[in-house]
Amino acid sequence: YRDEDYAINPDLIEEEYEAKVDLMIKGEPGKLTPSAI
């Protein structure tokens, strides 16, 4: 993602990946902190 909005906002994520993937599930807004390892 290019900035935080493109990580959180499903509409912006859809815009970014429209030509790259076959299907997108739009659900709750994303978060910024990755999982613990």
PDB file of all heavy atoms in Angstrom:
ATOM      1  N   TYR A   1       0.831  -1.199   0.000  1.00  0.00           N
ATOM      2  CA  TYR A   1       0.000   0.000   0.000  1.00  0.00           C
ATOM      3  C   TYR A   1       0.866   1.250   0.000  1.00  0.00           C
ATOM      4  O   TYR A   1       1.944   1.280   0.578  1.00  0.00           O
ATOM      5  CB  TYR A   1      -0.968   0.005   1.183  1.00  0.00           C
ATOM      6  CG  TYR A   1      -0.330  -0.208   2.531  1.00  0.00           C
ATOM      7  CD1 TYR A   1       0.074   0.881   3.313  1.00  0.00           C
ATOM      8  CD2 TYR A   1      -0.121  -1.484   3.042  1.00  0.00           C
ATOM      9  CE1 TYR A   1       0.658   0.693   4.553  1.00  0.00           C
ATOM     10  CE2 TYR A   1       0.463  -1.681   4.285  1.00  0.00           C
ATOM     11  CZ  TYR A   1       0.849  -0.595   5.038  1.00  0.00           C
ATOM     12  OH  TYR A   1       1.434  -0.784   6.264  1.00  0.00           O
ATOM     13  N   ARG A   2       0.362   2.283  -0.676  1.00  0.00           N
ATOM     14  CA  ARG A   2       1.139   3.516  -0.838  1.00  0.00           C
ATOM     15  C   ARG A   2       1.061   4.418   0.382  1.00  0.00           C
ATOM     16  O   ARG A   2       1.974   5.189   0.646  1.00  0.00           O
ATOM     17  CB  ARG A   2       0.678   4.261  -2.097  1.00  0.00           C
ATOM     18  CG  ARG A   2      -0.763   4.693  -2.079  1.00  0.00           C
ATOM     19  CD  ARG A   2      -1.171   5.368  -3.372  1.00  0.00           C
ATOM     20  NE  ARG A   2      -1.479   4.417  -4.421  1.00  0.00           N
ATOM     21  CZ  ARG A   2      -1.923   4.758  -5.621  1.00  0.00           C
ATOM     22  NH1 ARG A   2      -2.074   6.040  -5.920  1.00  0.00           N
ATOM     23  NH2 ARG A   2      -2.214   3.860  -6.512  1.00  0.00           N
ATOM     24  N   ASP A   3      -0.059   4.381   1.107  1.00  0.00           N
ATOM     25  CA  ASP A   3      -0.163   5.132   2.349  1.00  0.00           C
ATOM     26  C   ASP A   3      -1.208   4.444   3.227  1.00  0.00           C
ATOM     27  O   ASP A   3      -1.811   3.447   2.828  1.00  0.00           O
ATOM     28  CB  ASP A   3      -0.501   6.611   2.113  1.00  0.00           C
ATOM     29  CG  ASP A   3      -1.807   6.803   1.354  1.00  0.00           C
ATOM     30  OD1 ASP A   3      -2.779   6.059   1.628  1.00  0.00           O
ATOM     31  OD2 ASP A   3      -1.877   7.708   0.495  1.00  0.00           O
ATOM     32  N   GLU A   4      -1.415   4.970   4.415  1.00  0.00           N
ATOM     33  CA  GLU A   4      -2.279   4.297   5.390  1.00  0.00           C
ATOM     34  C   GLU A   4      -3.715   4.135   4.887  1.00  0.00           C
ATOM     35  O   GLU A   4      -4.356   3.122   5.159  1.00  0.00           O
ATOM     36  CB  GLU A   4      -2.255   5.050   6.723  1.00  0.00           C
ATOM     37  CG  GLU A   4      -0.921   4.951   7.438  1.00  0.00           C
ATOM     38  CD  GLU A   4      -0.928   5.574   8.818  1.00  0.00           C
ATOM     39  OE1 GLU A   4      -1.995   6.100   9.221  1.00  0.00           O
ATOM     40  OE2 GLU A   4       0.108   5.528   9.495  1.00  0.00           O
ATOM     41  N   ASP A   5      -4.220   5.128   4.152  1.00  0.00           N
ATOM     42  CA  ASP A   5      -5.589   5.028   3.641  1.00  0.00           C
ATOM     43  C   ASP A   5      -5.751   3.813   2.733  1.00  0.00           C
ATOM     44  O   ASP A   5      -6.784   3.147   2.739  1.00  0.00           O
ATOM     45  CB  ASP A   5      -5.967   6.290   2.863  1.00  0.00           C
ATOM     46  CG  ASP A   5      -6.229   7.475   3.787  1.00  0.00           C
ATOM     47  OD1 ASP A   5      -6.428   7.237   4.990  1.00  0.00           O
ATOM     48  OD2 ASP A   5      -6.223   8.618   3.305  1.00  0.00           O
ATOM     49  N   TYR A   6      -4.702   3.523   1.949  1.00  0.00           N
ATOM     50  CA  TYR A   6      -4.767   2.391   1.021  1.00  0.00           C
ATOM     51  C   TYR A   6      -4.584   1.050   1.731  1.00  0.00           C
ATOM     52  O   TYR A   6      -4.741   0.001   1.121  1.00  0.00           O
ATOM     53  CB  TYR A   6      -3.723   2.552  -0.089  1.00  0.00           C
ATOM     54  CG  TYR A   6      -4.201   3.435  -1.218  1.00  0.00           C
ATOM     55  CD1 TYR A   6      -4.090   4.820  -1.129  1.00  0.00           C
ATOM     56  CD2 TYR A   6      -4.777   2.900  -2.368  1.00  0.00           C
ATOM     57  CE1 TYR A   6      -4.535   5.650  -2.156  1.00  0.00           C
ATOM     58  CE2 TYR A   6      -5.230   3.722  -3.395  1.00  0.00           C
ATOM     59  CZ  TYR A   6      -5.107   5.088  -3.284  1.00  0.00           C
ATOM     60  OH  TYR A   6      -5.563   5.902  -4.299  1.00  0.00           O
ATOM     61  N   ALA A   7      -4.251   1.079   3.009  1.00  0.00           N
ATOM     62  CA  ALA A   7      -4.193  -0.150   3.799  1.00  0.00           C
ATOM     63  C   ALA A   7      -5.512  -0.408   4.520  1.00  0.00           C
ATOM     64  O   ALA A   7      -5.896  -1.562   4.732  1.00  0.00           O
ATOM     65  CB  ALA A   7      -3.059  -0.057   4.828  1.00  0.00           C
ATOM     66  N   ILE A   8      -6.207   0.672   4.855  1.00  0.00           N
ATOM     67  CA  ILE A   8      -7.391   0.568   5.703  1.00  0.00           C
ATOM     68  C   ILE A   8      -8.698   0.552   4.910  1.00  0.00           C
ATOM     69  O   ILE A   8      -9.606  -0.224   5.217  1.00  0.00           O
ATOM     70  CB  ILE A   8      -7.409   1.759   6.701  1.00  0.00           C
ATOM     71  CG1 ILE A   8      -6.237   1.644   7.670  1.00  0.00           C
ATOM     72  CG2 ILE A   8      -8.730   1.827   7.451  1.00  0.00           C
ATOM     73  CD1 ILE A   8      -6.030   2.876   8.529  1.00  0.00           C
ATOM     74  N   ASN A   9      -8.781   1.397   3.889  1.00  0.00           N
ATOM     75  CA  ASN A   9     -10.044   1.631   3.183  1.00  0.00           C
ATOM     76  C   ASN A   9     -10.289   0.557   2.107  1.00  0.00           C
ATOM     77  O   ASN A   9      -9.570   0.508   1.100  1.00  0.00           O
ATOM     78  CB  ASN A   9     -10.006   3.020   2.541  1.00  0.00           C
ATOM     79  CG  ASN A   9     -11.333   3.424   1.939  1.00  0.00           C
ATOM     80  OD1 ASN A   9     -12.043   2.602   1.367  1.00  0.00           O
ATOM     81  ND2 ASN A   9     -11.665   4.706   2.058  1.00  0.00           N
ATOM     82  N   PRO A  10     -11.312  -0.297   2.273  1.00  0.00           N
ATOM     83  CA  PRO A  10     -11.560  -1.353   1.279  1.00  0.00           C
ATOM     84  C   PRO A  10     -11.802  -0.819  -0.132  1.00  0.00           C
ATOM     85  O   PRO A  10     -11.418  -1.472  -1.107  1.00  0.00           O
ATOM     86  CB  PRO A  10     -12.808  -2.066   1.821  1.00  0.00           C
ATOM     87  CG  PRO A  10     -12.795  -1.800   3.288  1.00  0.00           C
ATOM     88  CD  PRO A  10     -12.227  -0.425   3.425  1.00  0.00           C
ATOM     89  N   ASP A  11     -12.408   0.366  -0.269  1.00  0.00           N
ATOM     90  CA  ASP A  11     -12.641   0.943  -1.599  1.00  0.00           C
ATOM     91  C   ASP A  11     -11.324   1.288  -2.295  1.00  0.00           C
ATOM     92  O   ASP A  11     -11.162   1.072  -3.500  1.00  0.00           O
ATOM     93  CB  ASP A  11     -13.510   2.202  -1.501  1.00  0.00           C
ATOM     94  CG  ASP A  11     -14.940   1.896  -1.082  1.00  0.00           C
ATOM     95  OD1 ASP A  11     -15.437   0.800  -1.423  1.00  0.00           O
ATOM     96  OD2 ASP A  11     -15.550   2.735  -0.396  1.00  0.00           O
ATOM     97  N   LEU A  12     -10.366   1.822  -1.539  1.00  0.00           N
ATOM     98  CA  LEU A  12      -9.066   2.162  -2.116  1.00  0.00           C
ATOM     99  C   LEU A  12      -8.249   0.906  -2.417  1.00  0.00           C
ATOM    100  O   LEU A  12      -7.519   0.854  -3.412  1.00  0.00           O
ATOM    101  CB  LEU A  12      -8.293   3.093  -1.175  1.00  0.00           C
ATOM    102  CG  LEU A  12      -8.890   4.486  -0.975  1.00  0.00           C
ATOM    103  CD1 LEU A  12      -8.081   5.280   0.039  1.00  0.00           C
ATOM    104  CD2 LEU A  12      -8.979   5.237  -2.300  1.00  0.00           C
ATOM    105  N   ILE A  13      -8.381  -0.108  -1.568  1.00  0.00           N
ATOM    106  CA  ILE A  13      -7.697  -1.381  -1.822  1.00  0.00           C
ATOM    107  C   ILE A  13      -8.242  -2.000  -3.109  1.00  0.00           C
ATOM    108  O   ILE A  13      -7.490  -2.505  -3.946  1.00  0.00           O
ATOM    109  CB  ILE A  13      -7.866  -2.347  -0.626  1.00  0.00           C
ATOM    110  CG1 ILE A  13      -7.218  -1.758   0.631  1.00  0.00           C
ATOM    111  CG2 ILE A  13      -7.246  -3.712  -0.949  1.00  0.00           C
ATOM    112  CD1 ILE A  13      -7.577  -2.490   1.917  1.00  0.00           C
ATOM    113  N   GLU A  14      -9.558  -1.925  -3.285  1.00  0.00           N
ATOM    114  CA  GLU A  14     -10.189  -2.432  -4.501  1.00  0.00           C
ATOM    115  C   GLU A  14      -9.648  -1.703  -5.729  1.00  0.00           C
ATOM    116  O   GLU A  14      -9.311  -2.327  -6.750  1.00  0.00           O
ATOM    117  CB  GLU A  14     -11.704  -2.241  -4.408  1.00  0.00           C
ATOM    118  CG  GLU A  14     -12.460  -2.678  -5.646  1.00  0.00           C
ATOM    119  CD  GLU A  14     -13.946  -2.343  -5.562  1.00  0.00           C
ATOM    120  OE1 GLU A  14     -14.313  -1.404  -4.820  1.00  0.00           O
ATOM    121  OE2 GLU A  14     -14.721  -3.022  -6.242  1.00  0.00           O
ATOM    122  N   GLU A  15      -9.545  -0.394  -5.623  1.00  0.00           N
ATOM    123  CA  GLU A  15      -9.019   0.423  -6.726  1.00  0.00           C
ATOM    124  C   GLU A  15      -7.594   0.000  -7.081  1.00  0.00           C
ATOM    125  O   GLU A  15      -7.237  -0.134  -8.257  1.00  0.00           O
ATOM    126  CB  GLU A  15      -9.054   1.894  -6.294  1.00  0.00           C
ATOM    127  CG  GLU A  15      -8.429   2.875  -7.256  1.00  0.00           C
ATOM    128  CD  GLU A  15      -8.300   4.255  -6.604  1.00  0.00           C
ATOM    129  OE1 GLU A  15      -9.315   4.792  -6.118  1.00  0.00           O
ATOM    130  OE2 GLU A  15      -7.177   4.772  -6.588  1.00  0.00           O
ATOM    131  N   GLU A  16      -6.788  -0.251  -6.062  1.00  0.00           N
ATOM    132  CA  GLU A  16      -5.375  -0.590  -6.260  1.00  0.00           C
ATOM    133  C   GLU A  16      -5.194  -1.969  -6.903  1.00  0.00           C
ATOM    134  O   GLU A  16      -4.284  -2.177  -7.710  1.00  0.00           O
ATOM    135  CB  GLU A  16      -4.644  -0.542  -4.911  1.00  0.00           C
ATOM    136  CG  GLU A  16      -3.148  -0.703  -4.990  1.00  0.00           C
ATOM    137  CD  GLU A  16      -2.441   0.502  -5.589  1.00  0.00           C
ATOM    138  OE1 GLU A  16      -3.027   1.612  -5.632  1.00  0.00           O
ATOM    139  OE2 GLU A  16      -1.300   0.329  -6.044  1.00  0.00           O
ATOM    140  N   TYR A  17      -6.066  -2.902  -6.564  1.00  0.00           N
ATOM    141  CA  TYR A  17      -5.862  -4.293  -7.000  1.00  0.00           C
ATOM    142  C   TYR A  17      -6.819  -4.740  -8.103  1.00  0.00           C
ATOM    143  O   TYR A  17      -6.800  -5.919  -8.489  1.00  0.00           O
ATOM    144  CB  TYR A  17      -5.966  -5.231  -5.791  1.00  0.00           C
ATOM    145  CG  TYR A  17      -4.682  -5.235  -4.998  1.00  0.00           C
ATOM    146  CD1 TYR A  17      -4.491  -4.320  -3.963  1.00  0.00           C
ATOM    147  CD2 TYR A  17      -3.642  -6.097  -5.314  1.00  0.00           C
ATOM    148  CE1 TYR A  17      -3.296  -4.280  -3.264  1.00  0.00           C
ATOM    149  CE2 TYR A  17      -2.445  -6.071  -4.627  1.00  0.00           C
ATOM    150  CZ  TYR A  17      -2.279  -5.165  -3.605  1.00  0.00           C
ATOM    151  OH  TYR A  17      -1.088  -5.136  -2.922  1.00  0.00           O
ATOM    152  N   GLU A  18      -7.589  -3.818  -8.631  1.00  0.00           N
ATOM    153  CA  GLU A  18      -8.622  -4.167  -9.606  1.00  0.00           C
ATOM    154  C   GLU A  18      -8.074  -4.951 -10.798  1.00  0.00           C
ATOM    155  O   GLU A  18      -8.692  -5.902 -11.269  1.00  0.00           O
ATOM    156  CB  GLU A  18      -9.319  -2.893 -10.099  1.00  0.00           C
ATOM    157  CG  GLU A  18     -10.520  -3.174 -10.963  1.00  0.00           C
ATOM    158  CD  GLU A  18     -11.331  -1.919 -11.257  1.00  0.00           C
ATOM    159  OE1 GLU A  18     -10.877  -0.814 -10.895  1.00  0.00           O
ATOM    160  OE2 GLU A  18     -12.400  -2.068 -11.847  1.00  0.00           O
ATOM    161  N   ALA A  19      -6.894  -4.577 -11.288  1.00  0.00           N
ATOM    162  CA  ALA A  19      -6.339  -5.240 -12.472  1.00  0.00           C
ATOM    163  C   ALA A  19      -5.315  -6.318 -12.115  1.00  0.00           C
ATOM    164  O   ALA A  19      -4.692  -6.892 -12.999  1.00  0.00           O
ATOM    165  CB  ALA A  19      -5.690  -4.195 -13.374  1.00  0.00           C
ATOM    166  N   LYS A  20      -5.173  -6.600 -10.819  1.00  0.00           N
ATOM    167  CA  LYS A  20      -4.092  -7.508 -10.406  1.00  0.00           C
ATOM    168  C   LYS A  20      -4.581  -8.858  -9.901  1.00  0.00           C
ATOM    169  O   LYS A  20      -3.843  -9.839  -9.948  1.00  0.00           O
ATOM    170  CB  LYS A  20      -3.250  -6.831  -9.306  1.00  0.00           C
ATOM    171  CG  LYS A  20      -2.566  -5.554  -9.761  1.00  0.00           C
ATOM    172  CD  LYS A  20      -1.861  -4.885  -8.598  1.00  0.00           C
ATOM    173  CE  LYS A  20      -1.260  -3.544  -9.017  1.00  0.00           C
ATOM    174  NZ  LYS A  20      -0.703  -2.807  -7.867  1.00  0.00           N
ATOM    175  N   VAL A  21      -5.806  -8.910  -9.379  1.00  0.00           N
ATOM    176  CA  VAL A  21      -6.307 -10.157  -8.801  1.00  0.00           C
ATOM    177  C   VAL A  21      -7.656 -10.519  -9.433  1.00  0.00           C
ATOM    178  O   VAL A  21      -8.242  -9.737 -10.171  1.00  0.00           O
ATOM    179  CB  VAL A  21      -6.447 -10.062  -7.262  1.00  0.00           C
ATOM    180  CG1 VAL A  21      -5.104  -9.742  -6.617  1.00  0.00           C
ATOM    181  CG2 VAL A  21      -7.497  -9.031  -6.848  1.00  0.00           C
ATOM    182  N   ASP A  22      -8.124 -11.717  -9.140  1.00  0.00           N
ATOM    183  CA  ASP A  22      -9.362 -12.202  -9.745  1.00  0.00           C
ATOM    184  C   ASP A  22     -10.601 -11.833  -8.937  1.00  0.00           C
ATOM    185  O   ASP A  22     -11.693 -11.695  -9.486  1.00  0.00           O
ATOM    186  CB  ASP A  22      -9.297 -13.724  -9.892  1.00  0.00           C
ATOM    187  CG  ASP A  22      -8.094 -14.139 -10.724  1.00  0.00           C
ATOM    188  OD1 ASP A  22      -8.077 -13.826 -11.919  1.00  0.00           O
ATOM    189  OD2 ASP A  22      -7.159 -14.745 -10.161  1.00  0.00           O
ATOM    190  N   LEU A  23     -10.430 -11.697  -7.638  1.00  0.00           N
ATOM    191  CA  LEU A  23     -11.583 -11.443  -6.768  1.00  0.00           C
ATOM    192  C   LEU A  23     -11.128 -10.712  -5.521  1.00  0.00           C
ATOM    193  O   LEU A  23     -10.029 -10.959  -5.010  1.00  0.00           O
ATOM    194  CB  LEU A  23     -12.245 -12.775  -6.396  1.00  0.00           C
ATOM    195  CG  LEU A  23     -13.532 -12.745  -5.560  1.00  0.00           C
ATOM    196  CD1 LEU A  23     -14.437 -13.917  -5.948  1.00  0.00           C
ATOM    197  CD2 LEU A  23     -13.236 -12.829  -4.066  1.00  0.00           C
ATOM    198  N   MET A  24     -11.977  -9.806  -5.048  1.00  0.00           N
ATOM    199  CA  MET A  24     -11.698  -9.142  -3.771  1.00  0.00           C
ATOM    200  C   MET A  24     -12.896  -9.286  -2.855  1.00  0.00           C
ATOM    201  O   MET A  24     -14.041  -9.118  -3.271  1.00  0.00           O
ATOM    202  CB  MET A  24     -11.395  -7.657  -3.960  1.00  0.00           C
ATOM    203  CG  MET A  24     -11.202  -6.955  -2.617  1.00  0.00           C
ATOM    204  SD  MET A  24     -10.755  -5.227  -2.720  1.00  0.00           S
ATOM    205  CE  MET A  24     -10.917  -4.753  -0.978  1.00  0.00           C
ATOM    206  N   ILE A  25     -12.591  -9.628  -1.615  1.00  0.00           N
ATOM    207  CA  ILE A  25     -13.620  -9.629  -0.572  1.00  0.00           C
ATOM    208  C   ILE A  25     -13.506  -8.308   0.174  1.00  0.00           C
ATOM    209  O   ILE A  25     -12.469  -8.003   0.765  1.00  0.00           O
ATOM    210  CB  ILE A  25     -13.422 -10.786   0.416  1.00  0.00           C
ATOM    211  CG1 ILE A  25     -13.520 -12.120  -0.305  1.00  0.00           C
ATOM    212  CG2 ILE A  25     -14.446 -10.708   1.543  1.00  0.00           C
ATOM    213  CD1 ILE A  25     -13.137 -13.304   0.561  1.00  0.00           C
ATOM    214  N   LYS A  26     -14.563  -7.518   0.095  1.00  0.00           N
ATOM    215  CA  LYS A  26     -14.603  -6.262   0.853  1.00  0.00           C
ATOM    216  C   LYS A  26     -15.333  -6.538   2.159  1.00  0.00           C
ATOM    217  O   LYS A  26     -16.503  -6.902   2.169  1.00  0.00           O
ATOM    218  CB  LYS A  26     -15.315  -5.175   0.050  1.00  0.00           C
ATOM    219  CG  LYS A  26     -14.527  -4.706  -1.159  1.00  0.00           C
ATOM    220  CD  LYS A  26     -15.302  -3.748  -2.021  1.00  0.00           C
ATOM    221  CE  LYS A  26     -15.431  -2.383  -1.404  1.00  0.00           C
ATOM    222  NZ  LYS A  26     -16.045  -1.415  -2.345  1.00  0.00           N
ATOM    223  N   GLY A  27     -14.604  -6.365   3.248  1.00  0.00           N
ATOM    224  CA  GLY A  27     -15.194  -6.576   4.558  1.00  0.00           C
ATOM    225  C   GLY A  27     -14.980  -5.361   5.432  1.00  0.00           C
ATOM    226  O   GLY A  27     -15.025  -4.220   4.962  1.00  0.00           O
ATOM    227  N   GLU A  28     -14.713  -5.618   6.683  1.00  0.00           N
ATOM    228  CA  GLU A  28     -14.445  -4.535   7.618  1.00  0.00           C
ATOM    229  C   GLU A  28     -13.173  -3.795   7.206  1.00  0.00           C
ATOM    230  O   GLU A  28     -12.330  -4.341   6.491  1.00  0.00           O
ATOM    231  CB  GLU A  28     -14.283  -5.104   9.036  1.00  0.00           C
ATOM    232  CG  GLU A  28     -15.580  -5.560   9.678  1.00  0.00           C
ATOM    233  CD  GLU A  28     -16.062  -6.930   9.201  1.00  0.00           C
ATOM    234  OE1 GLU A  28     -15.326  -7.629   8.481  1.00  0.00           O
ATOM    235  OE2 GLU A  28     -17.194  -7.295   9.550  1.00  0.00           O
ATOM    236  N   PRO A  29     -13.002  -2.529   7.648  1.00  0.00           N
ATOM    237  CA  PRO A  29     -11.769  -1.796   7.337  1.00  0.00           C
ATOM    238  C   PRO A  29     -10.536  -2.562   7.806  1.00  0.00           C
ATOM    239  O   PRO A  29     -10.574  -3.295   8.792  1.00  0.00           O
ATOM    240  CB  PRO A  29     -11.933  -0.485   8.119  1.00  0.00           C
ATOM    241  CG  PRO A  29     -13.409  -0.320   8.277  1.00  0.00           C
ATOM    242  CD  PRO A  29     -13.964  -1.704   8.421  1.00  0.00           C
ATOM    243  N   GLY A  30      -9.442  -2.398   7.057  1.00  0.00           N
ATOM    244  CA  GLY A  30      -8.199  -3.055   7.431  1.00  0.00           C
ATOM    245  C   GLY A  30      -7.532  -2.377   8.616  1.00  0.00           C
ATOM    246  O   GLY A  30      -7.947  -1.306   9.052  1.00  0.00           O
ATOM    247  N   LYS A  31      -6.496  -3.021   9.105  1.00  0.00           N
ATOM    248  CA  LYS A  31      -5.702  -2.455  10.206  1.00  0.00           C
ATOM    249  C   LYS A  31      -4.272  -2.268   9.722  1.00  0.00           C
ATOM    250  O   LYS A  31      -3.895  -2.766   8.663  1.00  0.00           O
ATOM    251  CB  LYS A  31      -5.764  -3.392  11.407  1.00  0.00           C
ATOM    252  CG  LYS A  31      -7.188  -3.518  11.960  1.00  0.00           C
ATOM    253  CD  LYS A  31      -7.260  -4.538  13.083  1.00  0.00           C
ATOM    254  CE  LYS A  31      -8.702  -4.695  13.571  1.00  0.00           C
ATOM    255  NZ  LYS A  31      -8.840  -5.766  14.569  1.00  0.00           N
ATOM    256  N   LEU A  32      -3.475  -1.571  10.514  1.00  0.00           N
ATOM    257  CA  LEU A  32      -2.120  -1.234  10.086  1.00  0.00           C
ATOM    258  C   LEU A  32      -1.039  -2.095  10.733  1.00  0.00           C
ATOM    259  O   LEU A  32       0.058  -2.216  10.205  1.00  0.00           O
ATOM    260  CB  LEU A  32      -1.829   0.236  10.382  1.00  0.00           C
ATOM    261  CG  LEU A  32      -2.548   1.248   9.499  1.00  0.00           C
ATOM    262  CD1 LEU A  32      -2.374   2.649  10.044  1.00  0.00           C
ATOM    263  CD2 LEU A  32      -2.040   1.166   8.070  1.00  0.00           C
ATOM    264  N   THR A  33      -1.335  -2.673  11.884  1.00  0.00           N
ATOM    265  CA  THR A  33      -0.325  -3.447  12.598  1.00  0.00           C
ATOM    266  C   THR A  33      -0.362  -4.898  12.139  1.00  0.00           C
ATOM    267  O   THR A  33      -1.403  -5.552  12.233  1.00  0.00           O
ATOM    268  CB  THR A  33      -0.556  -3.383  14.118  1.00  0.00           C
ATOM    269  OG1 THR A  33      -0.642  -2.016  14.519  1.00  0.00           O
ATOM    270  CG2 THR A  33       0.589  -4.051  14.870  1.00  0.00           C
ATOM    271  N   PRO A  34       0.761  -5.421  11.634  1.00  0.00           N
ATOM    272  CA  PRO A  34       0.771  -6.827  11.211  1.00  0.00           C
ATOM    273  C   PRO A  34       0.751  -7.767  12.415  1.00  0.00           C
ATOM    274  O   PRO A  34       0.885  -7.335  13.569  1.00  0.00           O
ATOM    275  CB  PRO A  34       2.091  -6.949  10.445  1.00  0.00           C
ATOM    276  CG  PRO A  34       2.967  -5.878  11.009  1.00  0.00           C
ATOM    277  CD  PRO A  34       2.050  -4.757  11.422  1.00  0.00           C
ATOM    278  N   SER A  35       0.598  -9.042  12.127  1.00  0.00           N
ATOM    279  CA  SER A  35       0.546 -10.030  13.207  1.00  0.00           C
ATOM    280  C   SER A  35       1.886 -10.122  13.928  1.00  0.00           C
ATOM    281  O   SER A  35       2.944  -9.832  13.358  1.00  0.00           O
ATOM    282  CB  SER A  35       0.196 -11.412  12.637  1.00  0.00           C
ATOM    283  OG  SER A  35       1.219 -11.857  11.767  1.00  0.00           O
ATOM    284  N   ALA A  36       1.838 -10.523  15.177  1.00  0.00           N
ATOM    285  CA  ALA A  36       3.063 -10.851  15.904  1.00  0.00           C
ATOM    286  C   ALA A  36       3.667 -12.107  15.281  1.00  0.00           C
ATOM    287  O   ALA A  36       2.954 -12.954  14.742  1.00  0.00           O
ATOM    288  CB  ALA A  36       2.752 -11.095  17.377  1.00  0.00           C
ATOM    289  N   ILE A  37       4.986 -12.221  15.330  1.00  0.00           N
ATOM    290  CA  ILE A  37       5.659 -13.440  14.864  1.00  0.00           C
ATOM    291  C   ILE A  37       6.273 -14.126  16.073  1.00  0.00           C
ATOM    292  O   ILE A  37       7.066 -13.531  16.806  1.00  0.00           O
ATOM    293  CB  ILE A  37       6.741 -13.119  13.818  1.00  0.00           C
ATOM    294  CG1 ILE A  37       6.097 -12.510  12.566  1.00  0.00           C
ATOM    295  CG2 ILE A  37       7.524 -14.379  13.455  1.00  0.00           C
ATOM    296  CD1 ILE A  37       7.085 -12.093  11.496  1.00  0.00           C
TER     297      ILE A  37
END
